[in-house]
């Protein structure tokens, strides 16, 4: 486990720096300092997990906009909304 923030004691003294790898010995000392919880860094998602999430998001967007015809020139507002929502949900940052 990796510490995500600096760990301070009750007096503001640094016990462990951000990014410290926590060992069993370090964890055993935490009750001595009245520390009940630690900020732990979450592991980064795997490429497979990212791809699965993007596929699920794309499927959800297709369902939400199922009644929308992207080729309909009279429905430009919905086309613009869909492009912004798609860019946001898929993390592309590019709206058409």
PDB file of N, CA and C in Angstrom:
ATOM      1  N   UNK A   1       0.845  -1.176   0.000  1.00  0.00           N
ATOM      2  CA  UNK A   1       0.000   0.000   0.000  1.00  0.00           C
ATOM      3  C   UNK A   1       0.891   1.240   0.000  1.00  0.00           C
ATOM      4  N   UNK A   2       0.425   2.260  -0.670  1.00  0.00           N
ATOM      5  CA  UNK A   2       1.173   3.515  -0.777  1.00  0.00           C
ATOM      6  C   UNK A   2       0.335   4.632  -0.175  1.00  0.00           C
ATOM      7  N   UNK A   3       0.975   5.463   0.623  1.00  0.00           N
ATOM      8  CA  UNK A   3       0.312   6.583   1.286  1.00  0.00           C
ATOM      9  C   UNK A   3       0.052   7.688   0.265  1.00  0.00           C
ATOM     10  N   UNK A   4      -1.190   8.165   0.182  1.00  0.00           N
ATOM     11  CA  UNK A   4      -1.531   9.172  -0.833  1.00  0.00           C
ATOM     12  C   UNK A   4      -1.292  10.604  -0.363  1.00  0.00           C
ATOM     13  N   UNK A   5      -1.212  10.831   0.946  1.00  0.00           N
ATOM     14  CA  UNK A   5      -0.978  12.172   1.495  1.00  0.00           C
ATOM     15  C   UNK A   5       0.068  12.081   2.596  1.00  0.00           C
ATOM     16  N   UNK A   6       0.584  13.228   2.988  1.00  0.00           N
ATOM     17  CA  UNK A   6       1.504  13.280   4.123  1.00  0.00           C
ATOM     18  C   UNK A   6       0.731  12.890   5.378  1.00  0.00           C
ATOM     19  N   UNK A   7       1.338  12.067   6.216  1.00  0.00           N
ATOM     20  CA  UNK A   7       0.701  11.644   7.463  1.00  0.00           C
ATOM     21  C   UNK A   7       1.292  12.442   8.614  1.00  0.00           C
ATOM     22  N   UNK A   8       0.423  13.201   9.308  1.00  0.00           N
ATOM     23  CA  UNK A   8       0.847  14.051  10.420  1.00  0.00           C
ATOM     24  C   UNK A   8       0.323  13.490  11.729  1.00  0.00           C
ATOM     25  N   UNK A   9       1.067  13.754  12.815  1.00  0.00           N
ATOM     26  CA  UNK A   9       0.566  13.362  14.132  1.00  0.00           C
ATOM     27  C   UNK A   9      -0.289  14.488  14.698  1.00  0.00           C
ATOM     28  N   UNK A  10      -0.714  14.364  15.951  1.00  0.00           N
ATOM     29  CA  UNK A  10      -1.599  15.349  16.579  1.00  0.00           C
ATOM     30  C   UNK A  10      -0.940  16.712  16.725  1.00  0.00           C
ATOM     31  N   UNK A  11       0.384  16.769  16.713  1.00  0.00           N
ATOM     32  CA  UNK A  11       1.118  18.027  16.873  1.00  0.00           C
ATOM     33  C   UNK A  11       1.545  18.628  15.535  1.00  0.00           C
ATOM     34  N   UNK A  12       1.162  17.997  14.443  1.00  0.00           N
ATOM     35  CA  UNK A  12       1.506  18.512  13.127  1.00  0.00           C
ATOM     36  C   UNK A  12       2.863  18.057  12.618  1.00  0.00           C
ATOM     37  N   UNK A  13       3.491  17.145  13.316  1.00  0.00           N
ATOM     38  CA  UNK A  13       4.782  16.615  12.885  1.00  0.00           C
ATOM     39  C   UNK A  13       4.561  15.547  11.813  1.00  0.00           C
ATOM     40  N   UNK A  14       5.424  15.526  10.831  1.00  0.00           N
ATOM     41  CA  UNK A  14       5.313  14.549   9.752  1.00  0.00           C
ATOM     42  C   UNK A  14       5.754  13.178  10.265  1.00  0.00           C
ATOM     43  N   UNK A  15       4.836  12.222  10.188  1.00  0.00           N
ATOM     44  CA  UNK A  15       5.180  10.846  10.548  1.00  0.00           C
ATOM     45  C   UNK A  15       5.676  10.079   9.328  1.00  0.00           C
ATOM     46  N   UNK A  16       4.960  10.249   8.219  1.00  0.00           N
ATOM     47  CA  UNK A  16       5.337   9.589   6.971  1.00  0.00           C
ATOM     48  C   UNK A  16       5.089  10.542   5.809  1.00  0.00           C
ATOM     49  N   UNK A  17       5.997  10.572   4.836  1.00  0.00           N
ATOM     50  CA  UNK A  17       5.793  11.451   3.680  1.00  0.00           C
ATOM     51  C   UNK A  17       4.802  10.846   2.690  1.00  0.00           C
ATOM     52  N   UNK A  18       4.292  11.691   1.836  1.00  0.00           N
ATOM     53  CA  UNK A  18       3.407  11.227   0.766  1.00  0.00           C
ATOM     54  C   UNK A  18       4.184  10.259  -0.121  1.00  0.00           C
ATOM     55  N   UNK A  19       3.550   9.179  -0.513  1.00  0.00           N
ATOM     56  CA  UNK A  19       4.190   8.206  -1.389  1.00  0.00           C
ATOM     57  C   UNK A  19       4.951   7.118  -0.655  1.00  0.00           C
ATOM     58  N   UNK A  20       4.932   7.141   0.675  1.00  0.00           N
ATOM     59  CA  UNK A  20       5.637   6.116   1.443  1.00  0.00           C
ATOM     60  C   UNK A  20       4.952   4.763   1.256  1.00  0.00           C
ATOM     61  N   UNK A  21       5.762   3.733   1.084  1.00  0.00           N
ATOM     62  CA  UNK A  21       5.235   2.375   0.984  1.00  0.00           C
ATOM     63  C   UNK A  21       5.052   1.854   2.402  1.00  0.00           C
ATOM     64  N   UNK A  22       3.818   1.501   2.744  1.00  0.00           N
ATOM     65  CA  UNK A  22       3.498   1.079   4.106  1.00  0.00           C
ATOM     66  C   UNK A  22       3.862  -0.388   4.323  1.00  0.00           C
ATOM     67  N   UNK A  23       4.557  -0.638   5.423  1.00  0.00           N
ATOM     68  CA  UNK A  23       4.930  -1.998   5.795  1.00  0.00           C
ATOM     69  C   UNK A  23       4.094  -2.436   6.991  1.00  0.00           C
ATOM     70  N   UNK A  24       4.190  -3.706   7.336  1.00  0.00           N
ATOM     71  CA  UNK A  24       3.471  -4.228   8.501  1.00  0.00           C
ATOM     72  C   UNK A  24       3.924  -3.514   9.773  1.00  0.00           C
ATOM     73  N   UNK A  25       5.219  -3.242   9.889  1.00  0.00           N
ATOM     74  CA  UNK A  25       5.737  -2.558  11.078  1.00  0.00           C
ATOM     75  C   UNK A  25       5.167  -1.145  11.197  1.00  0.00           C
ATOM     76  N   UNK A  26       5.087  -0.431  10.074  1.00  0.00           N
ATOM     77  CA  UNK A  26       4.522   0.924  10.092  1.00  0.00           C
ATOM     78  C   UNK A  26       3.059   0.884  10.519  1.00  0.00           C
ATOM     79  N   UNK A  27       2.312  -0.067   9.974  1.00  0.00           N
ATOM     80  CA  UNK A  27       0.891  -0.181  10.309  1.00  0.00           C
ATOM     81  C   UNK A  27       0.694  -0.541  11.780  1.00  0.00           C
ATOM     82  N   UNK A  28       1.603  -1.331  12.325  1.00  0.00           N
ATOM     83  CA  UNK A  28       1.496  -1.719  13.731  1.00  0.00           C
ATOM     84  C   UNK A  28       1.707  -0.529  14.664  1.00  0.00           C
ATOM     85  N   UNK A  29       2.448   0.488  14.217  1.00  0.00           N
ATOM     86  CA  UNK A  29       2.720   1.664  15.048  1.00  0.00           C
ATOM     87  C   UNK A  29       1.605   2.709  15.005  1.00  0.00           C
ATOM     88  N   UNK A  30       0.673   2.604  14.091  1.00  0.00           N
ATOM     89  CA  UNK A  30      -0.370   3.619  13.937  1.00  0.00           C
ATOM     90  C   UNK A  30      -1.246   3.787  15.184  1.00  0.00           C
ATOM     91  N   UNK A  31      -1.678   2.727  15.861  1.00  0.00           N
ATOM     92  CA  UNK A  31      -2.496   2.934  17.072  1.00  0.00           C
ATOM     93  C   UNK A  31      -1.754   3.706  18.169  1.00  0.00           C
ATOM     94  N   UNK A  32      -0.446   3.587  18.210  1.00  0.00           N
ATOM     95  CA  UNK A  32       0.353   4.323  19.194  1.00  0.00           C
ATOM     96  C   UNK A  32       0.236   5.830  19.007  1.00  0.00           C
ATOM     97  N   UNK A  33      -0.007   6.247  17.764  1.00  0.00           N
ATOM     98  CA  UNK A  33      -0.150   7.673  17.436  1.00  0.00           C
ATOM     99  C   UNK A  33      -1.619   8.071  17.309  1.00  0.00           C
ATOM    100  N   UNK A  34      -2.514   7.203  17.757  1.00  0.00           N
ATOM    101  CA  UNK A  34      -3.965   7.437  17.676  1.00  0.00           C
ATOM    102  C   UNK A  34      -4.441   7.677  16.242  1.00  0.00           C
ATOM    103  N   UNK A  35      -3.894   6.934  15.315  1.00  0.00           N
ATOM    104  CA  UNK A  35      -4.283   7.035  13.905  1.00  0.00           C
ATOM    105  C   UNK A  35      -5.163   5.832  13.584  1.00  0.00           C
ATOM    106  N   UNK A  36      -6.419   6.132  13.227  1.00  0.00           N
ATOM    107  CA  UNK A  36      -7.385   5.077  12.925  1.00  0.00           C
ATOM    108  C   UNK A  36      -7.501   4.789  11.432  1.00  0.00           C
ATOM    109  N   UNK A  37      -7.239   5.814  10.603  1.00  0.00           N
ATOM    110  CA  UNK A  37      -7.387   5.668   9.160  1.00  0.00           C
ATOM    111  C   UNK A  37      -6.178   6.271   8.465  1.00  0.00           C
ATOM    112  N   UNK A  38      -5.866   5.716   7.302  1.00  0.00           N
ATOM    113  CA  UNK A  38      -4.757   6.212   6.491  1.00  0.00           C
ATOM    114  C   UNK A  38      -5.258   6.510   5.082  1.00  0.00           C
ATOM    115  N   UNK A  39      -4.757   7.585   4.471  1.00  0.00           N
ATOM    116  CA  UNK A  39      -5.116   7.850   3.071  1.00  0.00           C
ATOM    117  C   UNK A  39      -4.262   6.969   2.151  1.00  0.00           C
ATOM    118  N   UNK A  40      -4.884   5.987   1.544  1.00  0.00           N
ATOM    119  CA  UNK A  40      -4.186   5.029   0.695  1.00  0.00           C
ATOM    120  C   UNK A  40      -4.417   5.390  -0.769  1.00  0.00           C
ATOM    121  N   UNK A  41      -3.350   5.327  -1.550  1.00  0.00           N
ATOM    122  CA  UNK A  41      -3.420   5.635  -2.975  1.00  0.00           C
ATOM    123  C   UNK A  41      -4.044   4.449  -3.710  1.00  0.00           C
ATOM    124  N   UNK A  42      -5.072   4.733  -4.477  1.00  0.00           N
ATOM    125  CA  UNK A  42      -5.728   3.685  -5.265  1.00  0.00           C
ATOM    126  C   UNK A  42      -4.834   3.315  -6.442  1.00  0.00           C
ATOM    127  N   UNK A  43      -4.773   2.032  -6.771  1.00  0.00           N
ATOM    128  CA  UNK A  43      -3.959   1.646  -7.924  1.00  0.00           C
ATOM    129  C   UNK A  43      -4.586   2.178  -9.207  1.00  0.00           C
ATOM    130  N   UNK A  44      -3.771   2.528 -10.188  1.00  0.00           N
ATOM    131  CA  UNK A  44      -4.335   3.029 -11.447  1.00  0.00           C
ATOM    132  C   UNK A  44      -5.111   1.918 -12.151  1.00  0.00           C
ATOM    133  N   UNK A  45      -6.170   2.281 -12.870  1.00  0.00           N
ATOM    134  CA  UNK A  45      -6.950   1.252 -13.566  1.00  0.00           C
ATOM    135  C   UNK A  45      -6.139   0.625 -14.699  1.00  0.00           C
ATOM    136  N   UNK A  46      -6.403  -0.633 -14.955  1.00  0.00           N
ATOM    137  CA  UNK A  46      -5.717  -1.337 -16.038  1.00  0.00           C
ATOM    138  C   UNK A  46      -6.287  -0.878 -17.380  1.00  0.00           C
ATOM    139  N   UNK A  47      -5.535  -1.045 -18.454  1.00  0.00           N
ATOM    140  CA  UNK A  47      -6.073  -0.681 -19.776  1.00  0.00           C
ATOM    141  C   UNK A  47      -7.358  -1.445 -20.110  1.00  0.00           C
ATOM    142  N   UNK A  48      -7.457  -2.686 -19.642  1.00  0.00           N
ATOM    143  CA  UNK A  48      -8.669  -3.469 -19.889  1.00  0.00           C
ATOM    144  C   UNK A  48      -9.858  -2.861 -19.155  1.00  0.00           C
ATOM    145  N   UNK A  49      -9.632  -2.403 -17.923  1.00  0.00           N
ATOM    146  CA  UNK A  49     -10.714  -1.786 -17.147  1.00  0.00           C
ATOM    147  C   UNK A  49     -11.157  -0.472 -17.785  1.00  0.00           C
ATOM    148  N   UNK A  50     -10.204   0.295 -18.292  1.00  0.00           N
ATOM    149  CA  UNK A  50     -10.529   1.559 -18.963  1.00  0.00           C
ATOM    150  C   UNK A  50     -11.350   1.286 -20.221  1.00  0.00           C
ATOM    151  N   UNK A  51     -10.919   0.301 -21.011  1.00  0.00           N
ATOM    152  CA  UNK A  51     -11.644  -0.038 -22.239  1.00  0.00           C
ATOM    153  C   UNK A  51     -13.050  -0.538 -21.923  1.00  0.00           C
ATOM    154  N   UNK A  52     -13.182  -1.337 -20.872  1.00  0.00           N
ATOM    155  CA  UNK A  52     -14.502  -1.845 -20.488  1.00  0.00           C
ATOM    156  C   UNK A  52     -15.410  -0.705 -20.039  1.00  0.00           C
ATOM    157  N   UNK A  53     -14.864   0.253 -19.295  1.00  0.00           N
ATOM    158  CA  UNK A  53     -15.665   1.389 -18.836  1.00  0.00           C
ATOM    159  C   UNK A  53     -16.096   2.262 -20.013  1.00  0.00           C
ATOM    160  N   UNK A  54     -15.189   2.481 -20.962  1.00  0.00           N
ATOM    161  CA  UNK A  54     -15.540   3.277 -22.140  1.00  0.00           C
ATOM    162  C   UNK A  54     -16.601   2.573 -22.980  1.00  0.00           C
ATOM    163  N   UNK A  55     -16.519   1.252 -23.084  1.00  0.00           N
ATOM    164  CA  UNK A  55     -17.531   0.503 -23.834  1.00  0.00           C
ATOM    165  C   UNK A  55     -18.886   0.600 -23.137  1.00  0.00           C
ATOM    166  N   UNK A  56     -18.883   0.493 -21.816  1.00  0.00           N
ATOM    167  CA  UNK A  56     -20.139   0.617 -21.067  1.00  0.00           C
ATOM    168  C   UNK A  56     -20.715   2.022 -21.202  1.00  0.00           C
ATOM    169  N   UNK A  57     -19.848   3.038 -21.165  1.00  0.00           N
ATOM    170  CA  UNK A  57     -20.311   4.415 -21.330  1.00  0.00           C
ATOM    171  C   UNK A  57     -20.883   4.640 -22.728  1.00  0.00           C
ATOM    172  N   UNK A  58     -20.225   4.098 -23.745  1.00  0.00           N
ATOM    173  CA  UNK A  58     -20.725   4.236 -25.119  1.00  0.00           C
ATOM    174  C   UNK A  58     -22.085   3.567 -25.276  1.00  0.00           C
ATOM    175  N   UNK A  59     -22.223   2.394 -24.673  1.00  0.00           N
ATOM    176  CA  UNK A  59     -23.501   1.679 -24.731  1.00  0.00           C
ATOM    177  C   UNK A  59     -24.599   2.469 -24.024  1.00  0.00           C
ATOM    178  N   UNK A  60     -24.269   3.049 -22.890  1.00  0.00           N
ATOM    179  CA  UNK A  60     -25.249   3.845 -22.140  1.00  0.00           C
ATOM    180  C   UNK A  60     -25.661   5.086 -22.933  1.00  0.00           C
ATOM    181  N   UNK A  61     -24.697   5.753 -23.566  1.00  0.00           N
ATOM    182  CA  UNK A  61     -25.015   6.934 -24.367  1.00  0.00           C
ATOM    183  C   UNK A  61     -25.880   6.568 -25.572  1.00  0.00           C
ATOM    184  N   UNK A  62     -25.586   5.432 -26.183  1.00  0.00           N
ATOM    185  CA  UNK A  62     -26.411   4.983 -27.310  1.00  0.00           C
ATOM    186  C   UNK A  62     -27.848   4.748 -26.851  1.00  0.00           C
ATOM    187  N   UNK A  63     -28.010   4.213 -25.640  1.00  0.00           N
ATOM    188  CA  UNK A  63     -29.359   3.999 -25.109  1.00  0.00           C
ATOM    189  C   UNK A  63     -30.047   5.333 -24.807  1.00  0.00           C
ATOM    190  N   UNK A  64     -29.323   6.254 -24.178  1.00  0.00           N
ATOM    191  CA  UNK A  64     -29.923   7.541 -23.810  1.00  0.00           C
ATOM    192  C   UNK A  64     -30.356   8.348 -25.033  1.00  0.00           C
ATOM    193  N   UNK A  65     -29.581   8.259 -26.105  1.00  0.00           N
ATOM    194  CA  UNK A  65     -29.880   9.028 -27.316  1.00  0.00           C
ATOM    195  C   UNK A  65     -30.480   8.130 -28.405  1.00  0.00           C
ATOM    196  N   UNK A  66     -31.158   7.051 -28.019  1.00  0.00           N
ATOM    197  CA  UNK A  66     -31.689   6.086 -28.975  1.00  0.00           C
ATOM    198  C   UNK A  66     -32.751   6.674 -29.899  1.00  0.00           C
ATOM    199  N   UNK A  67     -33.458   7.717 -29.480  1.00  0.00           N
ATOM    200  CA  UNK A  67     -34.509   8.315 -30.309  1.00  0.00           C
ATOM    201  C   UNK A  67     -33.989   9.475 -31.149  1.00  0.00           C
ATOM    202  N   UNK A  68     -32.716   9.738 -31.029  1.00  0.00           N
ATOM    203  CA  UNK A  68     -32.123  10.869 -31.737  1.00  0.00           C
ATOM    204  C   UNK A  68     -31.511  10.407 -33.055  1.00  0.00           C
ATOM    205  N   UNK A  69     -31.838  11.111 -34.128  1.00  0.00           N
ATOM    206  CA  UNK A  69     -31.241  10.843 -35.434  1.00  0.00           C
ATOM    207  C   UNK A  69     -30.113  11.848 -35.649  1.00  0.00           C
ATOM    208  N   UNK A  70     -28.855  11.411 -35.625  1.00  0.00           N
ATOM    209  CA  UNK A  70     -27.746  12.359 -35.767  1.00  0.00           C
ATOM    210  C   UNK A  70     -27.694  13.045 -37.131  1.00  0.00           C
ATOM    211  N   UNK A  71     -28.395  12.493 -38.122  1.00  0.00           N
ATOM    212  CA  UNK A  71     -28.399  13.096 -39.459  1.00  0.00           C
ATOM    213  C   UNK A  71     -29.527  14.100 -39.661  1.00  0.00           C
ATOM    214  N   UNK A  72     -30.357  14.314 -38.631  1.00  0.00           N
ATOM    215  CA  UNK A  72     -31.479  15.249 -38.734  1.00  0.00           C
ATOM    216  C   UNK A  72     -30.963  16.677 -38.534  1.00  0.00           C
ATOM    217  N   UNK A  73     -30.987  17.511 -39.597  1.00  0.00           N
ATOM    218  CA  UNK A  73     -30.470  18.881 -39.466  1.00  0.00           C
ATOM    219  C   UNK A  73     -31.338  19.770 -38.575  1.00  0.00           C
ATOM    220  N   UNK A  74     -32.581  19.379 -38.327  1.00  0.00           N
ATOM    221  CA  UNK A  74     -33.466  20.178 -37.485  1.00  0.00           C
ATOM    222  C   UNK A  74     -33.228  19.922 -35.996  1.00  0.00           C
ATOM    223  N   UNK A  75     -32.413  18.934 -35.683  1.00  0.00           N
ATOM    224  CA  UNK A  75     -32.161  18.572 -34.288  1.00  0.00           C
ATOM    225  C   UNK A  75     -30.696  18.825 -33.924  1.00  0.00           C
ATOM    226  N   UNK A  76     -30.208  19.999 -34.297  1.00  0.00           N
ATOM    227  CA  UNK A  76     -28.802  20.339 -34.064  1.00  0.00           C
ATOM    228  C   UNK A  76     -28.476  20.448 -32.580  1.00  0.00           C
ATOM    229  N   UNK A  77     -29.434  20.891 -31.780  1.00  0.00           N
ATOM    230  CA  UNK A  77     -29.179  21.044 -30.341  1.00  0.00           C
ATOM    231  C   UNK A  77     -28.900  19.687 -29.691  1.00  0.00           C
ATOM    232  N   UNK A  78     -29.673  18.673 -30.058  1.00  0.00           N
ATOM    233  CA  UNK A  78     -29.453  17.344 -29.491  1.00  0.00           C
ATOM    234  C   UNK A  78     -28.136  16.759 -29.986  1.00  0.00           C
ATOM    235  N   UNK A  79     -27.800  17.018 -31.243  1.00  0.00           N
ATOM    236  CA  UNK A  79     -26.521  16.555 -31.776  1.00  0.00           C
ATOM    237  C   UNK A  79     -25.368  17.190 -31.015  1.00  0.00           C
ATOM    238  N   UNK A  80     -25.470  18.474 -30.746  1.00  0.00           N
ATOM    239  CA  UNK A  80     -24.425  19.168 -29.990  1.00  0.00           C
ATOM    240  C   UNK A  80     -24.347  18.638 -28.561  1.00  0.00           C
ATOM    241  N   UNK A  81     -25.510  18.445 -27.933  1.00  0.00           N
ATOM    242  CA  UNK A  81     -25.539  17.894 -26.574  1.00  0.00           C
ATOM    243  C   UNK A  81     -24.896  16.511 -26.545  1.00  0.00           C
ATOM    244  N   UNK A  82     -25.249  15.680 -27.501  1.00  0.00           N
ATOM    245  CA  UNK A  82     -24.676  14.329 -27.536  1.00  0.00           C
ATOM    246  C   UNK A  82     -23.167  14.386 -27.710  1.00  0.00           C
ATOM    247  N   UNK A  83     -22.675  15.274 -28.539  1.00  0.00           N
ATOM    248  CA  UNK A  83     -21.225  15.355 -28.739  1.00  0.00           C
ATOM    249  C   UNK A  83     -20.514  15.799 -27.463  1.00  0.00           C
ATOM    250  N   UNK A  84     -21.106  16.749 -26.728  1.00  0.00           N
ATOM    251  CA  UNK A  84     -20.500  17.195 -25.467  1.00  0.00           C
ATOM    252  C   UNK A  84     -20.541  16.094 -24.408  1.00  0.00           C
ATOM    253  N   UNK A  85     -21.674  15.414 -24.294  1.00  0.00           N
ATOM    254  CA  UNK A  85     -21.800  14.346 -23.297  1.00  0.00           C
ATOM    255  C   UNK A  85     -20.851  13.199 -23.642  1.00  0.00           C
ATOM    256  N   UNK A  86     -20.758  12.858 -24.914  1.00  0.00           N
ATOM    257  CA  UNK A  86     -19.849  11.794 -25.336  1.00  0.00           C
ATOM    258  C   UNK A  86     -18.402  12.167 -25.038  1.00  0.00           C
ATOM    259  N   UNK A  87     -18.016  13.389 -25.350  1.00  0.00           N
ATOM    260  CA  UNK A  87     -16.642  13.831 -25.072  1.00  0.00           C
ATOM    261  C   UNK A  87     -16.351  13.799 -23.580  1.00  0.00           C
ATOM    262  N   UNK A  88     -17.321  14.192 -22.775  1.00  0.00           N
ATOM    263  CA  UNK A  88     -17.128  14.190 -21.320  1.00  0.00           C
ATOM    264  C   UNK A  88     -17.035  12.770 -20.772  1.00  0.00           C
ATOM    265  N   UNK A  89     -17.985  11.918 -21.147  1.00  0.00           N
ATOM    266  CA  UNK A  89     -18.039  10.560 -20.592  1.00  0.00           C
ATOM    267  C   UNK A  89     -16.887   9.690 -21.068  1.00  0.00           C
ATOM    268  N   UNK A  90     -16.463   9.852 -22.307  1.00  0.00           N
ATOM    269  CA  UNK A  90     -15.385   9.021 -22.831  1.00  0.00           C
ATOM    270  C   UNK A  90     -14.016   9.640 -22.603  1.00  0.00           C
ATOM    271  N   UNK A  91     -13.989  10.863 -22.078  1.00  0.00           N
ATOM    272  CA  UNK A  91     -12.719  11.487 -21.732  1.00  0.00           C
ATOM    273  C   UNK A  91     -11.901  11.958 -22.911  1.00  0.00           C
ATOM    274  N   UNK A  92     -12.546  12.179 -24.047  1.00  0.00           N
ATOM    275  CA  UNK A  92     -11.789  12.626 -25.209  1.00  0.00           C
ATOM    276  C   UNK A  92     -11.506  14.115 -25.154  1.00  0.00           C
ATOM    277  N   UNK A  93     -12.379  14.864 -24.493  1.00  0.00           N
ATOM    278  CA  UNK A  93     -12.182  16.305 -24.371  1.00  0.00           C
ATOM    279  C   UNK A  93     -12.463  17.071 -25.641  1.00  0.00           C
ATOM    280  N   UNK A  94     -12.956  16.388 -26.655  1.00  0.00           N
ATOM    281  CA  UNK A  94     -13.223  17.043 -27.939  1.00  0.00           C
ATOM    282  C   UNK A  94     -14.707  16.921 -28.273  1.00  0.00           C
ATOM    283  N   UNK A  95     -15.385  18.036 -28.328  1.00  0.00           N
ATOM    284  CA  UNK A  95     -16.788  18.031 -28.748  1.00  0.00           C
ATOM    285  C   UNK A  95     -16.866  18.539 -30.173  1.00  0.00           C
ATOM    286  N   UNK A  96     -17.748  17.937 -30.947  1.00  0.00           N
ATOM    287  CA  UNK A  96     -17.879  18.341 -32.356  1.00  0.00           C
ATOM    288  C   UNK A  96     -18.628  19.636 -32.484  1.00  0.00           C
TER     289      UNK A  96
END
